[in-house]
Amino acid sequence: MAERRKFKKRFCKYCEQKVDFIDYKDLASLKFSLSERFKIMPRRLTGNCKRHQELVTVAIKRARQTALIPYIVDRKNVVENPFENVR
C-alpha cells in the first residue's frame, strides 16, 4: 500500500488577524492568493477557511473588473514577478 503523505496543517491567516472584510484595492494581501499566471489559488494551497476564501475570490474578481489585476497572462511572456507592473 502506498503511504499517505502528511502535510502540515495550514491555518487561515485572515482568521488569525481577525479580518472581517478584504479590500479589493489591497493588492499586497491579494497577491498571496494568486499564482504566477494570476489564477486564484485553491483553499488547500493557501490554507484559507471557506469564508475567507470566498471573500478573497470576490475581492480578486472586483480587482480584475477595475483593471487592477489582469484576467490572463500571455503564455509566452511569463514574468518572474507579475506584481512589478501593478501599482
C-alpha atoms as a PDB file:
ATOM      1  CA  MET A   1       0.000   0.000   0.000  1.00  0.00           C
ATOM      2  CA  ALA A   2       1.138   3.491  -0.725  1.00  0.00           C
ATOM      3  CA  GLU A   3       1.925   5.680   2.231  1.00  0.00           C
ATOM      4  CA  ARG A   4      -0.218   8.718   2.709  1.00  0.00           C
ATOM      5  CA  ARG A   5       1.670  11.969   2.666  1.00  0.00           C
ATOM      6  CA  LYS A   6       1.374  14.039   5.774  1.00  0.00           C
ATOM      7  CA  PHE A   7       1.222  17.745   5.174  1.00  0.00           C
ATOM      8  CA  LYS A   8       1.490  20.329   7.871  1.00  0.00           C
ATOM      9  CA  LYS A   9      -1.775  21.901   8.940  1.00  0.00           C
ATOM     10  CA  ARG A  10      -2.353  25.219   7.221  1.00  0.00           C
ATOM     11  CA  PHE A  11      -4.084  27.973   9.125  1.00  0.00           C
ATOM     12  CA  CYS A  12      -6.143  30.806   7.760  1.00  0.00           C
ATOM     13  CA  LYS A  13      -4.060  33.961   8.051  1.00  0.00           C
ATOM     14  CA  TYR A  14      -7.204  36.095   7.874  1.00  0.00           C
ATOM     15  CA  CYS A  15      -8.739  34.315  10.875  1.00  0.00           C
ATOM     16  CA  GLU A  16      -5.552  34.863  12.872  1.00  0.00           C
ATOM     17  CA  GLN A  17      -5.680  38.593  12.085  1.00  0.00           C
ATOM     18  CA  LYS A  18      -9.467  38.670  12.660  1.00  0.00           C
ATOM     19  CA  VAL A  19     -10.215  40.239   9.279  1.00  0.00           C
ATOM     20  CA  ASP A  20     -13.886  40.860   8.520  1.00  0.00           C
ATOM     21  CA  PHE A  21     -13.556  42.438   5.064  1.00  0.00           C
ATOM     22  CA  ILE A  22     -10.948  42.001   2.335  1.00  0.00           C
ATOM     23  CA  ASP A  23     -10.485  45.120   0.234  1.00  0.00           C
ATOM     24  CA  TYR A  24     -10.058  44.629  -3.497  1.00  0.00           C
ATOM     25  CA  LYS A  25      -7.664  47.612  -3.651  1.00  0.00           C
ATOM     26  CA  ASP A  26      -5.192  45.996  -1.251  1.00  0.00           C
ATOM     27  CA  LEU A  27      -3.095  44.128  -3.810  1.00  0.00           C
ATOM     28  CA  ALA A  28      -0.358  43.293  -1.314  1.00  0.00           C
ATOM     29  CA  SER A  29      -2.641  40.896   0.549  1.00  0.00           C
ATOM     30  CA  LEU A  30      -4.330  39.562  -2.590  1.00  0.00           C
ATOM     31  CA  LYS A  31      -1.109  38.553  -4.329  1.00  0.00           C
ATOM     32  CA  PHE A  32      -0.619  35.633  -1.918  1.00  0.00           C
ATOM     33  CA  SER A  33      -3.834  34.082  -3.234  1.00  0.00           C
ATOM     34  CA  LEU A  34      -2.820  34.326  -6.898  1.00  0.00           C
ATOM     35  CA  SER A  35      -0.492  32.125  -8.911  1.00  0.00           C
ATOM     36  CA  GLU A  36       2.195  33.455 -11.276  1.00  0.00           C
ATOM     37  CA  ARG A  37      -0.392  33.437 -14.058  1.00  0.00           C
ATOM     38  CA  PHE A  38      -2.930  35.334 -11.933  1.00  0.00           C
ATOM     39  CA  LYS A  39      -5.140  32.322 -11.307  1.00  0.00           C
ATOM     40  CA  ILE A  40      -6.933  32.115  -7.966  1.00  0.00           C
ATOM     41  CA  MET A  41      -5.219  29.507  -5.822  1.00  0.00           C
ATOM     42  CA  PRO A  42      -7.422  26.910  -4.085  1.00  0.00           C
ATOM     43  CA  ARG A  43      -8.012  26.650  -0.350  1.00  0.00           C
ATOM     44  CA  ARG A  44      -5.882  23.558   0.039  1.00  0.00           C
ATOM     45  CA  LEU A  45      -2.818  25.524  -1.108  1.00  0.00           C
ATOM     46  CA  THR A  46      -3.449  28.847   0.608  1.00  0.00           C
ATOM     47  CA  GLY A  47      -4.869  27.457   3.849  1.00  0.00           C
ATOM     48  CA  ASN A  48      -7.774  29.889   3.913  1.00  0.00           C
ATOM     49  CA  CYS A  49     -11.020  28.916   5.567  1.00  0.00           C
ATOM     50  CA  LYS A  50     -14.163  28.725   3.428  1.00  0.00           C
ATOM     51  CA  ARG A  51     -15.488  32.115   4.491  1.00  0.00           C
ATOM     52  CA  HIS A  52     -12.280  33.999   3.812  1.00  0.00           C
ATOM     53  CA  GLN A  53     -11.617  32.137   0.564  1.00  0.00           C
ATOM     54  CA  GLU A  54     -14.987  33.363  -0.710  1.00  0.00           C
ATOM     55  CA  LEU A  55     -14.111  36.933   0.335  1.00  0.00           C
ATOM     56  CA  VAL A  56     -10.725  36.667  -1.397  1.00  0.00           C
ATOM     57  CA  THR A  57     -12.387  35.355  -4.554  1.00  0.00           C
ATOM     58  CA  VAL A  58     -14.862  38.239  -4.632  1.00  0.00           C
ATOM     59  CA  ALA A  59     -12.070  40.764  -3.998  1.00  0.00           C
ATOM     60  CA  ILE A  60      -9.916  39.338  -6.800  1.00  0.00           C
ATOM     61  CA  LYS A  61     -12.841  39.385  -9.223  1.00  0.00           C
ATOM     62  CA  ARG A  62     -13.574  43.009  -8.332  1.00  0.00           C
ATOM     63  CA  ALA A  63      -9.910  43.937  -8.778  1.00  0.00           C
ATOM     64  CA  ARG A  64      -9.935  42.282 -12.197  1.00  0.00           C
ATOM     65  CA  GLN A  65     -13.047  44.186 -13.192  1.00  0.00           C
ATOM     66  CA  THR A  66     -11.462  47.512 -12.222  1.00  0.00           C
ATOM     67  CA  ALA A  67      -8.274  46.556 -14.145  1.00  0.00           C
ATOM     68  CA  LEU A  68      -6.019  46.364 -11.084  1.00  0.00           C
ATOM     69  CA  ILE A  69      -5.215  42.711 -11.844  1.00  0.00           C
ATOM     70  CA  PRO A  70      -5.195  41.252 -15.373  1.00  0.00           C
ATOM     71  CA  TYR A  71      -7.586  38.479 -16.325  1.00  0.00           C
ATOM     72  CA  ILE A  72      -5.000  36.463 -18.250  1.00  0.00           C
ATOM     73  CA  VAL A  73      -1.262  36.456 -18.803  1.00  0.00           C
ATOM     74  CA  ASP A  74       0.368  35.602 -22.100  1.00  0.00           C
ATOM     75  CA  ARG A  75       1.871  32.103 -22.019  1.00  0.00           C
ATOM     76  CA  LYS A  76       4.960  33.109 -23.974  1.00  0.00           C
ATOM     77  CA  ASN A  77       5.784  36.165 -21.894  1.00  0.00           C
ATOM     78  CA  VAL A  78       5.615  34.857 -18.327  1.00  0.00           C
ATOM     79  CA  VAL A  79       7.025  37.481 -15.963  1.00  0.00           C
ATOM     80  CA  GLU A  80       9.070  36.459 -12.915  1.00  0.00           C
ATOM     81  CA  ASN A  81       7.380  38.969 -10.631  1.00  0.00           C
ATOM     82  CA  PRO A  82       3.923  39.751 -12.006  1.00  0.00           C
ATOM     83  CA  PHE A  83       3.276  42.469  -9.435  1.00  0.00           C
ATOM     84  CA  GLU A  84       6.124  44.691 -10.651  1.00  0.00           C
ATOM     85  CA  ASN A  85       3.844  46.475 -13.078  1.00  0.00           C
ATOM     86  CA  VAL A  86       0.927  46.712 -10.641  1.00  0.00           C
ATOM     87  CA  ARG A  87       0.874  49.866  -8.558  1.00  0.00           C
END
